[in-house]
Amino acid sequence: MRKPLSKPIEAERPRSMVGFIAKYKLSHPIAYKMDCSRRKAMLIILVMLILLLNVFASFRWSYLNIDSGENMRYKIDHWTNKQWVEFYPALALVSAPIEFPLINAIKFDSYNQLEAHVKKHAVTGVLVNEWIERTRLTYLYYGLNSFFMFNIFFLIIMIVKSRKGHSKKSV
């Protein structure tokens, strides 16, 4: 046997209309407007975050005007505050340059100096640590970008579905 209710059912209703709609999951134009405007605001914020993230990424590298006799270009990674050298091997068919972090060096005059630098620091593992740090920051950038894009896609789907559902119920 069930116990009799101590309170009437009417006492359980929320005092505001929005709370009532939320509690009983009713579709009401006011609730639809509030929900849709909140989603649009989130969408605008996510788009702004993606734009800000991509502007931040466009200023990651800056090239230095250091004249070297070989096919080398020097650049600074502003995210890690490290200096790197790009090297284009003379006899190799590569589409992208080979990059090495500079540790305790400012400039190389020849390929032999670069090779000696790489041999010296490759044994200690310092070069690998620099690459790992750079790669982690790059993957973090790609991950954040993908996460924001997924959220934008999800919000657009939610907005479209709520508009379709609202227009069907009002007709």
N, C-alpha and C. Protein backbone atom coordinates (compact mmCIF):
# COMPACT_ATOMS: atom_id res chain seq x y z
N MET A 1 0.82 -1.18 0.00
CA MET A 1 0.00 0.00 0.00
C MET A 1 0.87 1.25 0.00
N ARG A 2 0.43 2.22 -0.71
CA ARG A 2 1.13 3.50 -0.75
C ARG A 2 0.67 4.40 0.38
N LYS A 3 1.61 5.25 0.79
CA LYS A 3 1.26 6.24 1.80
C LYS A 3 0.52 7.38 1.11
N PRO A 4 -0.37 7.98 1.79
CA PRO A 4 -1.04 9.15 1.20
C PRO A 4 -0.06 10.31 1.12
N LEU A 5 -0.24 11.13 0.11
CA LEU A 5 0.63 12.29 -0.07
C LEU A 5 0.40 13.30 1.03
N SER A 6 1.51 13.77 1.59
CA SER A 6 1.39 14.76 2.65
C SER A 6 1.16 16.16 2.08
N LYS A 7 1.70 16.41 0.89
CA LYS A 7 1.55 17.72 0.25
C LYS A 7 0.70 17.56 -1.00
N PRO A 8 -0.04 18.54 -1.31
CA PRO A 8 -0.78 18.46 -2.58
C PRO A 8 0.18 18.56 -3.76
N ILE A 9 -0.22 18.07 -4.89
CA ILE A 9 0.62 18.07 -6.09
C ILE A 9 0.93 19.49 -6.53
N GLU A 10 0.02 20.40 -6.34
CA GLU A 10 0.23 21.79 -6.76
C GLU A 10 1.40 22.44 -6.03
N ALA A 11 1.70 22.00 -4.82
CA ALA A 11 2.78 22.61 -4.05
C ALA A 11 4.15 22.26 -4.64
N GLU A 12 4.25 21.20 -5.42
CA GLU A 12 5.52 20.78 -5.99
C GLU A 12 5.90 21.58 -7.22
N ARG A 13 4.98 22.32 -7.78
CA ARG A 13 5.27 23.07 -8.99
C ARG A 13 6.23 24.21 -8.69
N PRO A 14 7.17 24.44 -9.56
CA PRO A 14 8.06 25.59 -9.37
C PRO A 14 7.29 26.89 -9.49
N ARG A 15 7.80 27.94 -8.87
CA ARG A 15 7.10 29.22 -8.86
C ARG A 15 7.20 29.96 -10.19
N SER A 16 8.34 29.84 -10.87
CA SER A 16 8.50 30.57 -12.13
C SER A 16 8.09 29.70 -13.31
N MET A 17 7.73 30.34 -14.39
CA MET A 17 7.33 29.63 -15.60
C MET A 17 8.51 28.90 -16.23
N VAL A 18 9.70 29.52 -16.19
CA VAL A 18 10.88 28.90 -16.78
C VAL A 18 11.23 27.63 -16.02
N GLY A 19 11.15 27.68 -14.68
CA GLY A 19 11.41 26.49 -13.88
C GLY A 19 10.38 25.40 -14.15
N PHE A 20 9.13 25.80 -14.35
CA PHE A 20 8.07 24.84 -14.67
C PHE A 20 8.35 24.16 -16.00
N ILE A 21 8.76 24.96 -16.98
CA ILE A 21 9.06 24.42 -18.31
C ILE A 21 10.25 23.47 -18.23
N ALA A 22 11.27 23.87 -17.47
CA ALA A 22 12.45 23.02 -17.35
C ALA A 22 12.13 21.73 -16.61
N LYS A 23 11.28 21.81 -15.56
CA LYS A 23 10.96 20.63 -14.78
C LYS A 23 10.15 19.63 -15.59
N TYR A 24 9.17 20.10 -16.30
CA TYR A 24 8.30 19.20 -17.05
C TYR A 24 8.68 19.08 -18.52
N LYS A 25 9.80 19.66 -18.88
CA LYS A 25 10.35 19.56 -20.23
C LYS A 25 9.32 19.93 -21.30
N LEU A 26 8.67 21.03 -21.08
CA LEU A 26 7.69 21.52 -22.04
C LEU A 26 8.36 22.45 -23.02
N SER A 27 7.83 22.51 -24.22
CA SER A 27 8.36 23.43 -25.21
C SER A 27 7.54 24.71 -25.17
N HIS A 28 8.20 25.78 -24.86
CA HIS A 28 7.54 27.07 -24.76
C HIS A 28 8.41 28.08 -25.51
N PRO A 29 7.83 29.05 -26.19
CA PRO A 29 8.64 30.01 -26.94
C PRO A 29 9.67 30.74 -26.09
N ILE A 30 9.34 31.05 -24.84
CA ILE A 30 10.31 31.74 -23.98
C ILE A 30 11.50 30.84 -23.70
N ALA A 31 11.22 29.58 -23.36
CA ALA A 31 12.30 28.64 -23.08
C ALA A 31 13.13 28.40 -24.34
N TYR A 32 12.48 28.33 -25.48
CA TYR A 32 13.21 28.13 -26.73
C TYR A 32 14.14 29.31 -27.01
N LYS A 33 13.64 30.54 -26.81
CA LYS A 33 14.46 31.73 -27.06
C LYS A 33 15.67 31.76 -26.14
N MET A 34 15.47 31.44 -24.87
CA MET A 34 16.58 31.47 -23.92
C MET A 34 17.61 30.41 -24.28
N ASP A 35 17.14 29.22 -24.61
CA ASP A 35 18.05 28.13 -24.95
C ASP A 35 18.81 28.44 -26.23
N CYS A 36 18.12 28.95 -27.22
CA CYS A 36 18.74 29.25 -28.51
C CYS A 36 19.74 30.40 -28.39
N SER A 37 19.41 31.43 -27.63
CA SER A 37 20.34 32.55 -27.49
C SER A 37 21.58 32.14 -26.71
N ARG A 38 21.43 31.27 -25.74
CA ARG A 38 22.60 30.78 -24.99
C ARG A 38 23.51 29.97 -25.91
N ARG A 39 22.92 29.15 -26.75
CA ARG A 39 23.72 28.36 -27.69
C ARG A 39 24.42 29.25 -28.70
N LYS A 40 23.72 30.27 -29.17
CA LYS A 40 24.35 31.20 -30.11
C LYS A 40 25.50 31.94 -29.45
N ALA A 41 25.34 32.31 -28.19
CA ALA A 41 26.43 32.99 -27.48
C ALA A 41 27.63 32.05 -27.32
N MET A 42 27.36 30.79 -27.01
CA MET A 42 28.46 29.82 -26.91
C MET A 42 29.14 29.63 -28.25
N LEU A 43 28.36 29.63 -29.32
CA LEU A 43 28.91 29.48 -30.66
C LEU A 43 29.82 30.66 -30.99
N ILE A 44 29.38 31.85 -30.68
CA ILE A 44 30.20 33.05 -30.95
C ILE A 44 31.48 33.01 -30.13
N ILE A 45 31.39 32.60 -28.88
CA ILE A 45 32.59 32.52 -28.03
C ILE A 45 33.57 31.50 -28.59
N LEU A 46 33.08 30.34 -29.03
CA LEU A 46 33.97 29.32 -29.59
C LEU A 46 34.64 29.79 -30.88
N VAL A 47 33.89 30.48 -31.73
CA VAL A 47 34.49 31.00 -32.96
C VAL A 47 35.57 32.02 -32.63
N MET A 48 35.31 32.87 -31.66
CA MET A 48 36.32 33.85 -31.25
C MET A 48 37.56 33.16 -30.67
N LEU A 49 37.37 32.09 -29.91
CA LEU A 49 38.51 31.35 -29.37
C LEU A 49 39.35 30.72 -30.47
N ILE A 50 38.69 30.18 -31.49
CA ILE A 50 39.43 29.59 -32.61
C ILE A 50 40.21 30.67 -33.35
N LEU A 51 39.58 31.81 -33.59
CA LEU A 51 40.29 32.90 -34.27
C LEU A 51 41.49 33.37 -33.44
N LEU A 52 41.30 33.52 -32.15
CA LEU A 52 42.39 33.94 -31.28
C LEU A 52 43.52 32.91 -31.25
N LEU A 53 43.16 31.65 -31.21
CA LEU A 53 44.16 30.58 -31.21
C LEU A 53 44.95 30.57 -32.51
N ASN A 54 44.29 30.79 -33.63
CA ASN A 54 45.00 30.78 -34.92
C ASN A 54 45.84 32.03 -35.12
N VAL A 55 45.40 33.16 -34.59
CA VAL A 55 46.24 34.36 -34.63
C VAL A 55 47.48 34.14 -33.78
N PHE A 56 47.28 33.54 -32.62
CA PHE A 56 48.41 33.22 -31.74
C PHE A 56 49.38 32.27 -32.43
N ALA A 57 48.87 31.31 -33.19
CA ALA A 57 49.74 30.36 -33.88
C ALA A 57 50.47 31.00 -35.06
N SER A 58 49.88 32.00 -35.67
CA SER A 58 50.54 32.62 -36.82
C SER A 58 51.78 33.41 -36.42
N PHE A 59 51.87 33.79 -35.16
CA PHE A 59 53.05 34.51 -34.67
C PHE A 59 54.03 33.59 -33.94
N ARG A 60 53.93 32.29 -34.20
CA ARG A 60 54.81 31.34 -33.50
C ARG A 60 56.25 31.47 -33.95
N TRP A 61 56.49 31.57 -35.25
CA TRP A 61 57.84 31.57 -35.79
C TRP A 61 58.22 32.95 -36.31
N SER A 62 59.47 33.32 -36.11
CA SER A 62 60.01 34.51 -36.76
C SER A 62 61.41 34.15 -37.26
N TYR A 63 61.69 34.56 -38.48
CA TYR A 63 62.97 34.22 -39.09
C TYR A 63 63.98 35.32 -38.82
N LEU A 64 65.21 34.91 -38.57
CA LEU A 64 66.30 35.84 -38.29
C LEU A 64 67.06 36.14 -39.57
N ASN A 65 67.58 37.32 -39.68
CA ASN A 65 68.36 37.72 -40.85
C ASN A 65 69.85 37.49 -40.59
N ILE A 66 70.22 36.25 -40.45
CA ILE A 66 71.62 35.88 -40.26
C ILE A 66 72.12 35.31 -41.57
N ASP A 67 73.17 35.90 -42.10
CA ASP A 67 73.72 35.45 -43.38
C ASP A 67 74.64 34.26 -43.14
N SER A 68 74.33 33.16 -43.77
CA SER A 68 75.20 31.98 -43.68
C SER A 68 75.54 31.54 -45.09
N GLY A 69 76.70 30.95 -45.23
CA GLY A 69 77.17 30.54 -46.54
C GLY A 69 76.44 29.33 -47.09
N GLU A 70 75.87 28.53 -46.24
CA GLU A 70 75.19 27.30 -46.66
C GLU A 70 73.70 27.55 -46.86
N ASN A 71 72.98 26.49 -47.13
CA ASN A 71 71.52 26.57 -47.29
C ASN A 71 70.85 26.48 -45.92
N MET A 72 71.09 27.45 -45.08
CA MET A 72 70.55 27.44 -43.72
C MET A 72 69.75 28.71 -43.45
N ARG A 73 68.65 28.51 -42.73
CA ARG A 73 67.85 29.65 -42.27
C ARG A 73 67.65 29.48 -40.77
N TYR A 74 67.70 30.58 -40.07
CA TYR A 74 67.55 30.55 -38.62
C TYR A 74 66.20 31.15 -38.24
N LYS A 75 65.55 30.51 -37.28
CA LYS A 75 64.24 30.99 -36.85
C LYS A 75 64.08 30.78 -35.35
N ILE A 76 63.15 31.52 -34.77
CA ILE A 76 62.88 31.43 -33.34
C ILE A 76 61.45 30.95 -33.15
N ASP A 77 61.31 29.94 -32.29
CA ASP A 77 59.99 29.46 -31.89
C ASP A 77 59.58 30.25 -30.66
N HIS A 78 58.57 31.11 -30.81
CA HIS A 78 58.17 31.97 -29.70
C HIS A 78 57.39 31.23 -28.62
N TRP A 79 56.84 30.06 -28.92
CA TRP A 79 56.13 29.30 -27.91
C TRP A 79 57.09 28.68 -26.91
N THR A 80 58.25 28.20 -27.40
CA THR A 80 59.24 27.59 -26.51
C THR A 80 60.42 28.51 -26.23
N ASN A 81 60.49 29.62 -26.95
CA ASN A 81 61.59 30.58 -26.84
C ASN A 81 62.93 29.92 -27.17
N LYS A 82 62.95 29.11 -28.21
CA LYS A 82 64.16 28.41 -28.65
C LYS A 82 64.50 28.83 -30.07
N GLN A 83 65.78 28.77 -30.38
CA GLN A 83 66.24 29.09 -31.72
C GLN A 83 66.48 27.78 -32.48
N TRP A 84 66.06 27.76 -33.75
CA TRP A 84 66.18 26.57 -34.59
C TRP A 84 66.89 26.96 -35.87
N VAL A 85 67.50 25.96 -36.51
CA VAL A 85 68.11 26.17 -37.81
C VAL A 85 67.44 25.22 -38.80
N GLU A 86 67.07 25.74 -39.95
CA GLU A 86 66.54 24.93 -41.05
C GLU A 86 67.68 24.69 -42.02
N PHE A 87 67.83 23.45 -42.41
CA PHE A 87 68.91 23.10 -43.31
C PHE A 87 68.34 22.36 -44.51
N TYR A 88 68.70 22.81 -45.70
CA TYR A 88 68.31 22.14 -46.94
C TYR A 88 69.54 21.39 -47.46
N PRO A 89 69.56 20.07 -47.37
CA PRO A 89 70.72 19.33 -47.88
C PRO A 89 70.88 19.55 -49.38
N ALA A 90 72.13 19.69 -49.80
CA ALA A 90 72.42 20.04 -51.20
C ALA A 90 72.06 18.92 -52.17
N LEU A 91 72.33 17.69 -51.83
CA LEU A 91 72.13 16.59 -52.78
C LEU A 91 70.90 15.73 -52.47
N ALA A 92 70.10 16.14 -51.54
CA ALA A 92 68.92 15.34 -51.17
C ALA A 92 67.66 15.92 -51.80
N LEU A 93 66.74 15.04 -52.13
CA LEU A 93 65.45 15.46 -52.66
C LEU A 93 64.45 15.51 -51.50
N VAL A 94 64.33 16.66 -50.90
CA VAL A 94 63.40 16.83 -49.78
C VAL A 94 62.47 18.00 -50.07
N SER A 95 61.24 17.86 -49.65
CA SER A 95 60.29 18.96 -49.85
C SER A 95 60.28 19.91 -48.66
N ALA A 96 60.69 19.42 -47.51
CA ALA A 96 60.72 20.26 -46.31
C ALA A 96 62.14 20.26 -45.75
N PRO A 97 62.53 21.33 -45.11
CA PRO A 97 63.89 21.39 -44.56
C PRO A 97 64.04 20.49 -43.33
N ILE A 98 65.28 20.17 -43.04
CA ILE A 98 65.61 19.44 -41.82
C ILE A 98 65.87 20.50 -40.75
N GLU A 99 65.25 20.34 -39.59
CA GLU A 99 65.35 21.36 -38.55
C GLU A 99 66.05 20.80 -37.33
N PHE A 100 66.90 21.64 -36.74
CA PHE A 100 67.61 21.27 -35.53
C PHE A 100 67.52 22.42 -34.54
N PRO A 101 67.33 22.11 -33.25
CA PRO A 101 67.37 23.19 -32.26
C PRO A 101 68.82 23.61 -32.00
N LEU A 102 69.02 24.88 -31.80
CA LEU A 102 70.36 25.39 -31.51
C LEU A 102 70.55 25.43 -30.00
N ILE A 103 71.59 24.79 -29.54
CA ILE A 103 71.92 24.76 -28.13
C ILE A 103 73.34 25.29 -27.98
N ASN A 104 73.49 26.38 -27.30
CA ASN A 104 74.80 27.03 -27.07
C ASN A 104 75.48 27.43 -28.38
N ALA A 105 74.72 27.72 -29.39
CA ALA A 105 75.29 28.16 -30.67
C ALA A 105 74.38 29.22 -31.26
N ILE A 106 74.98 30.14 -31.97
CA ILE A 106 74.20 31.22 -32.58
C ILE A 106 74.17 31.07 -34.09
N LYS A 107 75.29 30.65 -34.67
CA LYS A 107 75.38 30.61 -36.12
C LYS A 107 76.38 29.52 -36.54
N PHE A 108 76.07 28.90 -37.67
CA PHE A 108 76.99 27.93 -38.26
C PHE A 108 77.44 28.47 -39.61
N ASP A 109 78.72 28.29 -39.90
CA ASP A 109 79.24 28.76 -41.19
C ASP A 109 79.23 27.66 -42.24
N SER A 110 79.14 26.42 -41.82
CA SER A 110 79.18 25.33 -42.80
C SER A 110 78.37 24.14 -42.29
N TYR A 111 78.18 23.23 -43.20
CA TYR A 111 77.46 22.00 -42.85
C TYR A 111 78.26 21.19 -41.83
N ASN A 112 79.58 21.22 -41.91
CA ASN A 112 80.42 20.45 -40.99
C ASN A 112 80.23 20.92 -39.54
N GLN A 113 80.11 22.22 -39.34
CA GLN A 113 79.86 22.74 -37.99
C GLN A 113 78.49 22.28 -37.47
N LEU A 114 77.50 22.29 -38.34
CA LEU A 114 76.16 21.83 -37.95
C LEU A 114 76.20 20.35 -37.60
N GLU A 115 76.91 19.56 -38.40
CA GLU A 115 77.02 18.13 -38.14
C GLU A 115 77.71 17.86 -36.81
N ALA A 116 78.77 18.60 -36.51
CA ALA A 116 79.47 18.43 -35.23
C ALA A 116 78.55 18.81 -34.06
N HIS A 117 77.77 19.87 -34.25
CA HIS A 117 76.82 20.30 -33.21
C HIS A 117 75.77 19.22 -32.95
N VAL A 118 75.25 18.64 -34.01
CA VAL A 118 74.22 17.61 -33.86
C VAL A 118 74.81 16.37 -33.20
N LYS A 119 76.01 15.96 -33.61
CA LYS A 119 76.65 14.78 -33.01
C LYS A 119 76.91 14.99 -31.52
N LYS A 120 77.36 16.17 -31.17
CA LYS A 120 77.69 16.47 -29.77
C LYS A 120 76.45 16.42 -28.87
N HIS A 121 75.36 17.02 -29.32
CA HIS A 121 74.17 17.11 -28.47
C HIS A 121 73.19 15.96 -28.66
N ALA A 122 73.33 15.19 -29.72
CA ALA A 122 72.41 14.07 -29.94
C ALA A 122 72.70 12.94 -28.95
N VAL A 123 73.95 12.78 -28.57
CA VAL A 123 74.31 11.72 -27.64
C VAL A 123 73.70 11.97 -26.26
N THR A 124 73.63 13.21 -25.84
CA THR A 124 73.09 13.54 -24.52
C THR A 124 71.56 13.50 -24.48
N GLY A 125 70.91 13.55 -25.61
CA GLY A 125 69.45 13.53 -25.65
C GLY A 125 68.80 14.89 -25.56
N VAL A 126 69.59 15.94 -25.55
CA VAL A 126 69.05 17.29 -25.43
C VAL A 126 68.24 17.66 -26.67
N LEU A 127 68.71 17.27 -27.84
CA LEU A 127 67.99 17.59 -29.08
C LEU A 127 66.61 16.93 -29.09
N VAL A 128 66.56 15.69 -28.63
CA VAL A 128 65.29 14.98 -28.61
C VAL A 128 64.31 15.65 -27.64
N ASN A 129 64.81 16.09 -26.51
CA ASN A 129 63.94 16.78 -25.54
C ASN A 129 63.36 18.06 -26.13
N GLU A 130 64.17 18.78 -26.90
CA GLU A 130 63.67 20.01 -27.55
C GLU A 130 62.59 19.68 -28.57
N TRP A 131 62.80 18.62 -29.35
CA TRP A 131 61.79 18.22 -30.33
C TRP A 131 60.51 17.76 -29.65
N ILE A 132 60.66 17.03 -28.55
CA ILE A 132 59.47 16.54 -27.84
C ILE A 132 58.66 17.72 -27.29
N GLU A 133 59.34 18.70 -26.72
CA GLU A 133 58.64 19.87 -26.20
C GLU A 133 57.90 20.61 -27.31
N ARG A 134 58.56 20.78 -28.44
CA ARG A 134 57.94 21.46 -29.58
C ARG A 134 56.75 20.67 -30.12
N THR A 135 56.91 19.34 -30.20
CA THR A 135 55.85 18.49 -30.71
C THR A 135 54.64 18.50 -29.77
N ARG A 136 54.89 18.47 -28.48
CA ARG A 136 53.77 18.50 -27.52
C ARG A 136 52.98 19.79 -27.63
N LEU A 137 53.66 20.90 -27.77
CA LEU A 137 52.94 22.17 -27.93
C LEU A 137 52.16 22.22 -29.24
N THR A 138 52.75 21.65 -30.29
CA THR A 138 52.04 21.60 -31.57
C THR A 138 50.80 20.72 -31.47
N TYR A 139 50.92 19.56 -30.83
CA TYR A 139 49.77 18.68 -30.66
C TYR A 139 48.71 19.30 -29.76
N LEU A 140 49.14 20.05 -28.76
CA LEU A 140 48.18 20.76 -27.91
C LEU A 140 47.40 21.78 -28.74
N TYR A 141 48.09 22.48 -29.62
CA TYR A 141 47.44 23.45 -30.51
C TYR A 141 46.42 22.74 -31.41
N TYR A 142 46.84 21.63 -32.04
CA TYR A 142 45.92 20.89 -32.91
C TYR A 142 44.74 20.33 -32.11
N GLY A 143 45.00 19.85 -30.92
CA GLY A 143 43.94 19.29 -30.08
C GLY A 143 42.92 20.34 -29.68
N LEU A 144 43.40 21.52 -29.27
CA LEU A 144 42.47 22.59 -28.90
C LEU A 144 41.66 23.04 -30.10
N ASN A 145 42.32 23.17 -31.24
CA ASN A 145 41.61 23.56 -32.46
C ASN A 145 40.54 22.54 -32.81
N SER A 146 40.88 21.26 -32.75
CA SER A 146 39.91 20.20 -33.07
C SER A 146 38.76 20.19 -32.07
N PHE A 147 39.09 20.37 -30.79
CA PHE A 147 38.06 20.39 -29.75
C PHE A 147 37.08 21.53 -29.97
N PHE A 148 37.59 22.72 -30.27
CA PHE A 148 36.71 23.86 -30.52
C PHE A 148 35.88 23.65 -31.78
N MET A 149 36.47 23.09 -32.83
CA MET A 149 35.72 22.82 -34.06
C MET A 149 34.60 21.80 -33.81
N PHE A 150 34.90 20.76 -33.03
CA PHE A 150 33.88 19.77 -32.70
C PHE A 150 32.74 20.42 -31.92
N ASN A 151 33.07 21.28 -30.97
CA ASN A 151 32.03 21.96 -30.20
C ASN A 151 31.18 22.87 -31.07
N ILE A 152 31.79 23.55 -32.01
CA ILE A 152 31.03 24.40 -32.93
C ILE A 152 30.08 23.55 -33.77
N PHE A 153 30.58 22.45 -34.30
CA PHE A 153 29.76 21.54 -35.09
C PHE A 153 28.59 21.02 -34.25
N PHE A 154 28.87 20.62 -33.02
CA PHE A 154 27.85 20.10 -32.12
C PHE A 154 26.79 21.17 -31.80
N LEU A 155 27.23 22.40 -31.54
CA LEU A 155 26.28 23.48 -31.25
C LEU A 155 25.41 23.80 -32.46
N ILE A 156 25.99 23.79 -33.64
CA ILE A 156 25.20 24.06 -34.85
C ILE A 156 24.13 22.99 -35.02
N ILE A 157 24.50 21.74 -34.79
CA ILE A 157 23.51 20.65 -34.89
C ILE A 157 22.41 20.84 -33.85
N MET A 158 22.77 21.21 -32.63
CA MET A 158 21.77 21.43 -31.59
C MET A 158 20.84 22.58 -31.93
N ILE A 159 21.38 23.66 -32.47
CA ILE A 159 20.55 24.81 -32.84
C ILE A 159 19.59 24.43 -33.96
N VAL A 160 20.08 23.71 -34.96
CA VAL A 160 19.22 23.30 -36.07
C VAL A 160 18.13 22.35 -35.58
N LYS A 161 18.49 21.39 -34.73
CA LYS A 161 17.48 20.45 -34.22
C LYS A 161 16.44 21.16 -33.37
N SER A 162 16.87 22.11 -32.54
CA SER A 162 15.90 22.80 -31.69
C SER A 162 14.98 23.68 -32.53
N ARG A 163 15.48 24.25 -33.61
CA ARG A 163 14.62 25.06 -34.49
C ARG A 163 13.61 24.18 -35.20
N LYS A 164 14.06 23.00 -35.66
CA LYS A 164 13.13 22.10 -36.34
C LYS A 164 12.06 21.61 -35.37
N GLY A 165 12.48 21.25 -34.16
CA GLY A 165 11.53 20.77 -33.16
C GLY A 165 10.55 21.84 -32.74
N HIS A 166 11.01 23.07 -32.62
CA HIS A 166 10.14 24.17 -32.21
C HIS A 166 9.15 24.51 -33.33
N SER A 167 9.61 24.49 -34.57
CA SER A 167 8.70 24.83 -35.67
C SER A 167 7.65 23.73 -35.88
N LYS A 168 7.99 22.47 -35.61
CA LYS A 168 7.00 21.40 -35.75
C LYS A 168 5.92 21.49 -34.67
N LYS A 169 6.33 21.84 -33.44
CA LYS A 169 5.36 21.90 -32.35
C LYS A 169 4.45 23.11 -32.45
N SER A 170 4.95 24.18 -33.03
CA SER A 170 4.12 25.39 -33.11
C SER A 170 3.13 25.34 -34.26
N VAL A 171 3.33 24.44 -35.21
CA VAL A 171 2.44 24.34 -36.37
C VAL A 171 1.24 23.52 -36.09
